[in-house]
Amino acid sequence: MIHFVGAGSGAADLITVRGSRLVNQADVIIYAGSLVNPELLEGRKPECRVYNSAKMTLEEVFQVMKEAEEQHLETVRLHTGDPCIYGAIREQMDLLDQAGILYDYCPGVSAFCGAASAMNLEYTLPGISQTVIITRMAGRTPVPEKEEIEKLASHQATMVIFLSTGMLEELSRRLIAGGYDPQTPAAIVYKATWPDEESHLCTVSTLAQCAGEHGITKTALILVGDAVAQTGYSRSELYHPEFTTEFRQGSKKE
């Protein structure tokens, strides 16, 4: 069996209980060495084989999985955050399907959740934003035309932008072209939940300036939208004394 496991956003204790158990029981671990906290490997079995996928191709990763399966070994494919977001897991699963190898998937804490925790943010503030758009700038991996930054920016929702720290001047230009005011609140969160985490408030127009001032060139998330300011929102109806729920009778207005 192959177990795809989300390692969490950085801190070693943010892996799930299930994920930690799978890692510690594994005979083979293939982990994303450039992003996964190596502390997560400290509880592994002494005889466990460990491979760093940062130095491997898809074909090499699959070969390790296949050989481990032939030897009746348990394999953990350890991805950063939650692998459903930019984890390149589908292509691995397709190869496993073709080979008739069973697998399952243990979710993890995504970096976009870690970034919110770093700044004590609520992305979905009543009256401000009820939608979160998770996206990235086009790089070596293209982005579908219908999902270009300008088109997504037109919604004025909260945006969490991955894998784009090296293109902040272009990102600012395109966000503004899409409809964001240049003074729209924004933030840069570097290595969310890691010991060297940093978070910096700025605006859409000053993203590149802010990153330059703090020497941030990679491994950061960009947060954009009025929700970043955490002000001007409406009170939640769910906890309002006049609001009736299945569990509580609300009071009537005078």
Protein backbone atom coordinates (compact mmCIF):
# COMPACT_ATOMS: atom_id res chain seq x y z
CA MET A 1 0.00 0.00 0.00
CA ILE A 2 1.12 3.52 -0.82
CA HIS A 3 0.00 6.24 1.61
CA PHE A 4 -0.03 9.82 0.36
CA VAL A 5 0.34 11.96 3.49
CA GLY A 6 0.08 15.71 3.97
CA ALA A 7 2.95 16.78 6.20
CA GLY A 8 1.32 20.04 7.24
CA SER A 9 2.45 23.60 6.68
CA GLY A 10 5.80 23.42 8.45
CA ALA A 11 5.72 22.90 12.20
CA ALA A 12 6.40 19.24 12.97
CA ASP A 13 3.45 18.98 15.35
CA LEU A 14 0.94 20.12 12.71
CA ILE A 15 0.90 16.76 10.94
CA THR A 16 -2.31 14.86 11.70
CA VAL A 17 -2.35 12.01 14.21
CA ARG A 18 -3.07 9.60 11.36
CA GLY A 19 -0.29 11.04 9.23
CA SER A 20 2.23 10.76 12.05
CA ARG A 21 1.24 7.13 12.67
CA LEU A 22 1.67 6.26 8.99
CA VAL A 23 5.09 7.91 8.87
CA ASN A 24 6.30 6.11 11.98
CA GLN A 25 5.08 2.72 10.69
CA ALA A 26 6.43 3.09 7.16
CA ASP A 27 9.07 0.84 5.64
CA VAL A 28 9.78 3.38 2.90
CA ILE A 29 9.35 7.17 2.98
CA ILE A 30 9.58 9.38 -0.09
CA TYR A 31 9.42 12.98 1.12
CA ALA A 32 9.56 16.40 -0.50
CA GLY A 33 12.90 17.33 1.02
CA SER A 34 12.88 20.94 -0.12
CA LEU A 35 9.70 21.78 1.82
CA VAL A 36 8.87 19.07 4.39
CA ASN A 37 10.23 19.58 7.91
CA PRO A 38 12.88 16.85 8.46
CA GLU A 39 11.82 16.62 12.12
CA LEU A 40 8.86 14.58 10.89
CA LEU A 41 11.23 11.73 10.04
CA GLU A 42 12.71 11.44 13.53
CA GLY A 43 10.13 8.89 14.71
CA ARG A 44 10.60 6.53 11.75
CA LYS A 45 11.64 2.92 12.15
CA PRO A 46 15.45 2.42 12.19
CA GLU A 47 15.28 0.20 9.11
CA CYS A 48 13.06 2.60 7.15
CA ARG A 49 14.41 3.63 3.75
CA VAL A 50 14.18 7.39 3.09
CA TYR A 51 14.23 9.07 -0.33
CA ASN A 52 14.30 12.80 -1.04
CA SER A 53 11.99 13.45 -3.97
CA ALA A 54 13.51 16.92 -4.54
CA LYS A 55 16.29 15.07 -6.36
CA MET A 56 14.03 12.61 -8.19
CA THR A 57 11.86 12.51 -11.29
CA LEU A 58 8.28 11.21 -11.35
CA GLU A 59 9.56 8.01 -12.96
CA GLU A 60 12.15 7.51 -10.22
CA VAL A 61 9.57 8.10 -7.50
CA PHE A 62 7.25 5.56 -9.10
CA GLN A 63 10.05 3.01 -9.42
CA VAL A 64 10.74 3.23 -5.68
CA MET A 65 7.03 2.75 -4.98
CA LYS A 66 6.80 -0.18 -7.36
CA GLU A 67 9.85 -1.96 -5.91
CA ALA A 68 8.59 -1.41 -2.36
CA GLU A 69 5.20 -2.87 -3.32
CA GLU A 70 6.88 -5.92 -4.85
CA GLN A 71 8.66 -6.43 -1.53
CA HIS A 72 5.36 -6.10 0.39
CA LEU A 73 6.53 -2.92 2.15
CA GLU A 74 4.43 0.01 3.39
CA THR A 75 5.33 3.27 1.62
CA VAL A 76 4.56 6.84 2.67
CA ARG A 77 4.72 9.57 0.03
CA LEU A 78 5.10 12.62 2.26
CA HIS A 79 4.04 15.90 0.67
CA THR A 80 4.12 19.41 2.07
CA GLY A 81 0.91 20.99 3.39
CA ASP A 82 -2.07 19.20 1.94
CA PRO A 83 -1.08 17.52 -1.32
CA CYS A 84 -4.38 18.34 -3.02
CA ILE A 85 -3.01 21.88 -3.61
CA TYR A 86 -0.06 21.98 -6.04
CA GLY A 87 1.02 18.55 -4.85
CA ALA A 88 1.32 16.82 -8.25
CA ILE A 89 -0.31 13.72 -6.77
CA ARG A 90 -2.72 12.90 -9.59
CA GLU A 91 0.07 11.96 -11.98
CA GLN A 92 1.49 9.62 -9.35
CA MET A 93 -1.90 8.07 -8.67
CA ASP A 94 -2.45 7.50 -12.40
CA LEU A 95 0.77 5.48 -12.60
CA LEU A 96 -0.24 3.49 -9.54
CA ASP A 97 -3.67 2.83 -11.07
CA GLN A 98 -2.05 1.59 -14.26
CA ALA A 99 0.18 -0.74 -12.25
CA GLY A 100 -2.68 -2.00 -10.08
CA ILE A 101 -1.06 -0.71 -6.87
CA LEU A 102 -3.38 0.32 -4.05
CA TYR A 103 -3.04 3.71 -2.35
CA ASP A 104 -4.86 6.04 0.00
CA TYR A 105 -4.60 9.68 0.96
CA CYS A 106 -4.25 11.30 4.40
CA PRO A 107 -4.96 15.06 4.28
CA GLY A 108 -2.80 17.69 5.94
CA VAL A 109 -2.86 21.32 7.07
CA SER A 110 -2.34 23.47 3.98
CA ALA A 111 0.03 26.44 3.99
CA PHE A 112 -2.91 28.75 3.30
CA CYS A 113 -4.30 27.72 6.70
CA GLY A 114 -0.86 28.15 8.25
CA ALA A 115 -0.62 31.65 6.78
CA ALA A 116 -3.96 32.59 8.33
CA SER A 117 -2.79 31.31 11.70
CA ALA A 118 0.43 33.31 11.40
CA MET A 119 -1.61 36.51 11.17
CA ASN A 120 -4.71 35.51 13.16
CA LEU A 121 -6.77 36.06 10.02
CA GLU A 122 -10.28 35.03 9.15
CA TYR A 123 -10.48 34.87 5.37
CA THR A 124 -14.28 34.89 5.21
CA LEU A 125 -15.50 37.98 7.06
CA PRO A 126 -19.25 38.72 6.85
CA GLY A 127 -19.88 41.78 4.75
CA ILE A 128 -16.29 41.80 3.43
CA SER A 129 -15.58 38.51 1.69
CA GLN A 130 -17.21 35.09 1.65
CA THR A 131 -14.97 33.56 -1.02
CA VAL A 132 -11.33 32.51 -0.98
CA ILE A 133 -9.53 32.12 -4.30
CA ILE A 134 -6.41 29.95 -4.17
CA THR A 135 -4.24 30.41 -7.23
CA ARG A 136 -0.74 31.02 -8.59
CA MET A 137 1.02 33.03 -11.25
CA ALA A 138 1.95 31.26 -14.47
CA GLY A 139 5.54 30.08 -14.47
CA ARG A 140 7.04 26.96 -16.02
CA THR A 141 3.64 25.43 -15.32
CA PRO A 142 1.06 27.46 -17.25
CA VAL A 143 -2.26 28.67 -15.89
CA PRO A 144 -5.49 28.22 -17.93
CA GLU A 145 -6.48 31.45 -19.69
CA LYS A 146 -9.82 31.55 -17.88
CA GLU A 147 -7.91 31.62 -14.57
CA GLU A 148 -5.54 34.50 -15.30
CA ILE A 149 -4.87 36.74 -12.30
CA GLU A 150 -6.73 39.70 -13.80
CA LYS A 151 -9.90 37.65 -14.25
CA LEU A 152 -9.77 36.26 -10.73
CA ALA A 153 -9.03 39.71 -9.30
CA SER A 154 -12.25 41.03 -10.82
CA HIS A 155 -14.22 39.15 -8.15
CA GLN A 156 -12.67 41.27 -5.37
CA ALA A 157 -12.65 38.19 -3.14
CA THR A 158 -9.92 37.16 -0.72
CA MET A 159 -7.00 35.73 -2.69
CA VAL A 160 -4.22 33.40 -1.51
CA ILE A 161 -1.47 33.24 -4.10
CA PHE A 162 1.07 30.40 -4.05
CA LEU A 163 4.37 30.02 -5.89
CA SER A 164 4.60 33.64 -7.03
CA THR A 165 7.05 35.39 -4.68
CA GLY A 166 9.60 35.90 -7.45
CA MET A 167 7.09 37.75 -9.65
CA LEU A 168 5.63 40.34 -7.29
CA GLU A 169 5.96 43.40 -9.50
CA GLU A 170 4.04 41.64 -12.25
CA LEU A 171 1.58 40.25 -9.73
CA SER A 172 0.81 43.75 -8.40
CA ARG A 173 0.35 45.11 -11.90
CA ARG A 174 -2.04 42.35 -12.86
CA LEU A 175 -4.05 42.51 -9.63
CA ILE A 176 -4.56 46.25 -10.15
CA ALA A 177 -5.42 45.73 -13.82
CA GLY A 178 -8.02 43.20 -12.69
CA GLY A 179 -9.76 45.68 -10.41
CA TYR A 180 -8.04 45.80 -7.03
CA ASP A 181 -7.37 49.31 -5.75
CA PRO A 182 -3.58 49.81 -5.32
CA GLN A 183 -4.18 50.43 -1.59
CA THR A 184 -6.02 47.14 -1.09
CA PRO A 185 -4.59 45.38 2.00
CA ALA A 186 -2.14 42.58 1.32
CA ALA A 187 0.33 40.46 3.26
CA ILE A 188 3.39 38.33 2.67
CA VAL A 189 3.75 35.27 4.89
CA TYR A 190 7.15 33.58 4.72
CA LYS A 191 7.45 29.92 5.82
CA ALA A 192 4.16 29.85 7.70
CA THR A 193 4.34 27.87 10.99
CA TRP A 194 8.09 27.21 10.66
CA PRO A 195 10.38 28.47 13.46
CA ASP A 196 11.65 31.26 11.15
CA GLU A 197 8.16 32.33 10.05
CA GLU A 198 7.69 35.97 9.07
CA SER A 199 4.52 37.90 8.20
CA HIS A 200 4.37 41.43 6.83
CA LEU A 201 1.41 43.67 6.05
CA CYS A 202 1.51 45.85 2.95
CA THR A 203 -0.74 46.81 0.05
CA VAL A 204 -1.27 45.41 -3.43
CA SER A 205 0.95 48.13 -4.88
CA THR A 206 3.81 47.60 -2.41
CA LEU A 207 4.18 43.81 -2.51
CA ALA A 208 7.55 43.84 -4.29
CA GLN A 209 8.85 46.67 -2.10
CA CYS A 210 7.83 44.83 1.08
CA ALA A 211 9.45 41.56 -0.02
CA GLY A 212 12.64 43.40 -0.97
CA GLU A 213 12.85 45.19 2.38
CA HIS A 214 12.65 41.87 4.21
CA GLY A 215 14.80 39.82 1.84
CA ILE A 216 11.98 37.43 0.91
CA THR A 217 12.45 35.78 -2.48
CA LYS A 218 10.68 32.42 -2.16
CA THR A 219 8.69 30.10 0.14
CA ALA A 220 6.03 32.71 0.87
CA LEU A 221 2.30 33.09 0.34
CA ILE A 222 0.70 36.31 -0.82
CA LEU A 223 -2.64 37.27 0.75
CA VAL A 224 -4.78 39.91 -0.94
CA GLY A 225 -8.13 41.49 -0.18
CA ASP A 226 -10.02 43.67 2.26
CA ALA A 227 -10.30 40.74 4.66
CA VAL A 228 -6.57 41.04 5.35
CA ALA A 229 -7.26 44.27 7.29
CA GLN A 230 -9.76 42.44 9.57
CA THR A 231 -11.88 45.58 9.97
CA GLY A 232 -15.30 46.83 8.92
CA TYR A 233 -16.99 43.43 8.93
CA SER A 234 -20.50 42.55 10.10
CA ARG A 235 -21.25 40.47 13.14
CA SER A 236 -22.01 36.81 12.46
CA GLU A 237 -25.74 36.10 12.52
CA LEU A 238 -25.14 32.61 13.87
CA TYR A 239 -24.15 33.88 17.32
CA HIS A 240 -26.49 36.89 17.40
CA PRO A 241 -28.95 36.71 20.32
CA GLU A 242 -31.88 37.32 17.96
CA PHE A 243 -30.91 34.48 15.61
CA THR A 244 -32.74 31.16 16.09
CA THR A 245 -30.90 27.93 15.32
CA GLU A 246 -31.66 24.23 15.69
CA PHE A 247 -30.02 24.37 19.12
CA ARG A 248 -31.05 27.79 20.47
CA GLN A 249 -34.16 29.99 20.41
CA GLY A 250 -33.35 33.60 19.51
CA SER A 251 -34.93 36.56 21.23
CA LYS A 252 -37.37 38.74 19.32
CA LYS A 253 -36.61 42.33 18.39
CA GLU A 254 -38.25 44.99 20.55
